[in-house]
Amino acid sequence: MGEILKVCWDLFTIRHYQRQGMKLSAGDYLVAIGFVLFLYATGVSAAVLYQNHPQYKWVLTVTLVFDGLLTIAMLVWEVKWWIRHRAAALAARAMQTNQSGQ
């Protein structure tokens, strides 16, 4: 149920930012999908390995730490993306206002 709400929220957010002139490119979608697939692949694999072989707890721990660091890096990248695209959208809107006012 939580995943359905998350998907709905994501669609709302994407629509909201598209109205503000901040559109996602195909590369942005590929990065996001690749990131999620990588996290699932590493996390689930390490969890299954640990479940079947408890002596490999260190593999699960290292994987979770790595995935956590990767998530933090992705969040930093997303904030930088948002700042860059927000500035470009505001500049485009200001240029349209200046052109229509002349």
Protein backbone atom coordinates (compact mmCIF):
# COMPACT_ATOMS: atom_id res chain seq x y z
CA MET A 1 0.00 0.00 0.00
CA GLY A 2 2.84 2.36 0.83
CA GLU A 3 4.46 1.81 -2.55
CA ILE A 4 1.24 2.75 -4.35
CA LEU A 5 1.06 6.00 -2.38
CA LYS A 6 4.73 6.67 -3.19
CA VAL A 7 4.15 6.16 -6.91
CA CYS A 8 1.11 8.48 -6.81
CA TRP A 9 3.12 11.11 -4.97
CA ASP A 10 5.96 10.81 -7.49
CA LEU A 11 3.55 11.27 -10.40
CA PHE A 12 2.04 14.33 -8.70
CA THR A 13 5.50 15.79 -8.09
CA ILE A 14 6.65 15.18 -11.68
CA ARG A 15 3.49 16.83 -13.00
CA HIS A 16 3.92 19.78 -10.64
CA TYR A 17 7.51 20.43 -11.72
CA GLN A 18 6.66 20.03 -15.41
CA ARG A 19 4.14 22.83 -15.01
CA GLN A 20 6.94 24.98 -13.58
CA GLY A 21 9.13 24.26 -16.61
CA MET A 22 11.40 21.66 -14.98
CA LYS A 23 11.05 18.64 -17.25
CA LEU A 24 12.89 15.36 -16.79
CA SER A 25 14.95 14.05 -19.67
CA ALA A 26 15.25 10.42 -20.73
CA GLY A 27 18.66 10.33 -19.07
CA ASP A 28 17.14 11.39 -15.76
CA TYR A 29 14.66 8.52 -15.98
CA LEU A 30 17.44 6.05 -16.83
CA VAL A 31 19.54 7.17 -13.87
CA ALA A 32 16.60 6.84 -11.49
CA ILE A 33 15.56 3.42 -12.78
CA GLY A 34 19.16 2.18 -12.77
CA PHE A 35 19.65 3.42 -9.22
CA VAL A 36 16.56 1.59 -7.95
CA LEU A 37 17.45 -1.61 -9.79
CA PHE A 38 20.99 -1.50 -8.40
CA LEU A 39 19.76 -1.04 -4.82
CA TYR A 40 17.27 -3.89 -5.14
CA ALA A 41 19.82 -6.19 -6.80
CA THR A 42 22.51 -5.65 -4.19
CA GLY A 43 20.23 -5.47 -1.15
CA VAL A 44 18.09 -8.49 -1.96
CA SER A 45 21.10 -10.57 -3.00
CA ALA A 46 22.95 -9.79 0.22
CA ALA A 47 19.85 -10.45 2.33
CA VAL A 48 19.23 -13.83 0.67
CA LEU A 49 22.89 -14.77 1.09
CA TYR A 50 22.74 -13.85 4.78
CA GLN A 51 19.46 -15.73 5.25
CA ASN A 52 20.92 -18.93 3.78
CA HIS A 53 24.44 -18.52 5.19
CA PRO A 54 24.49 -16.51 8.45
CA GLN A 55 28.30 -16.58 8.55
CA TYR A 56 28.24 -13.97 5.73
CA LYS A 57 26.68 -11.30 7.91
CA TRP A 58 29.60 -9.03 7.05
CA VAL A 59 28.57 -9.09 3.36
CA LEU A 60 25.09 -7.87 4.29
CA THR A 61 26.55 -5.17 6.53
CA VAL A 62 28.99 -3.92 3.89
CA THR A 63 26.27 -3.98 1.23
CA LEU A 64 23.85 -1.99 3.37
CA VAL A 65 26.53 0.59 4.25
CA PHE A 66 27.50 0.91 0.58
CA ASP A 67 23.87 1.26 -0.47
CA GLY A 68 23.35 3.89 2.24
CA LEU A 69 26.34 5.90 1.02
CA LEU A 70 25.12 5.56 -2.55
CA THR A 71 21.69 6.81 -1.50
CA ILE A 72 23.24 9.87 0.17
CA ALA A 73 25.29 10.55 -2.98
CA MET A 74 22.12 10.24 -5.09
CA LEU A 75 20.27 12.67 -2.83
CA VAL A 76 23.10 15.21 -3.20
CA TRP A 77 22.98 14.76 -6.99
CA GLU A 78 19.20 15.24 -6.96
CA VAL A 79 19.45 18.46 -4.93
CA LYS A 80 22.08 19.81 -7.33
CA TRP A 81 19.84 18.83 -10.28
CA TRP A 82 16.88 20.58 -8.69
CA ILE A 83 18.85 23.79 -8.01
CA ARG A 84 20.22 23.90 -11.56
CA HIS A 85 16.87 23.24 -13.24
CA ARG A 86 14.97 25.57 -10.92
CA ALA A 87 17.35 28.41 -11.76
CA ALA A 88 16.95 27.72 -15.48
CA ALA A 89 13.13 27.63 -15.17
CA LEU A 90 13.09 30.91 -13.25
CA ALA A 91 15.38 32.53 -15.81
CA ALA A 92 13.15 31.36 -18.67
CA ARG A 93 10.07 32.67 -16.89
CA ALA A 94 11.76 36.02 -16.24
CA MET A 95 12.76 36.26 -19.90
CA GLN A 96 9.16 35.56 -21.00
CA THR A 97 7.91 38.24 -18.62
CA ASN A 98 10.42 40.76 -19.96
CA GLN A 99 9.53 39.99 -23.58
CA SER A 100 5.78 40.22 -23.00
CA GLY A 101 6.18 43.48 -21.08
CA GLN A 102 8.01 45.26 -23.89
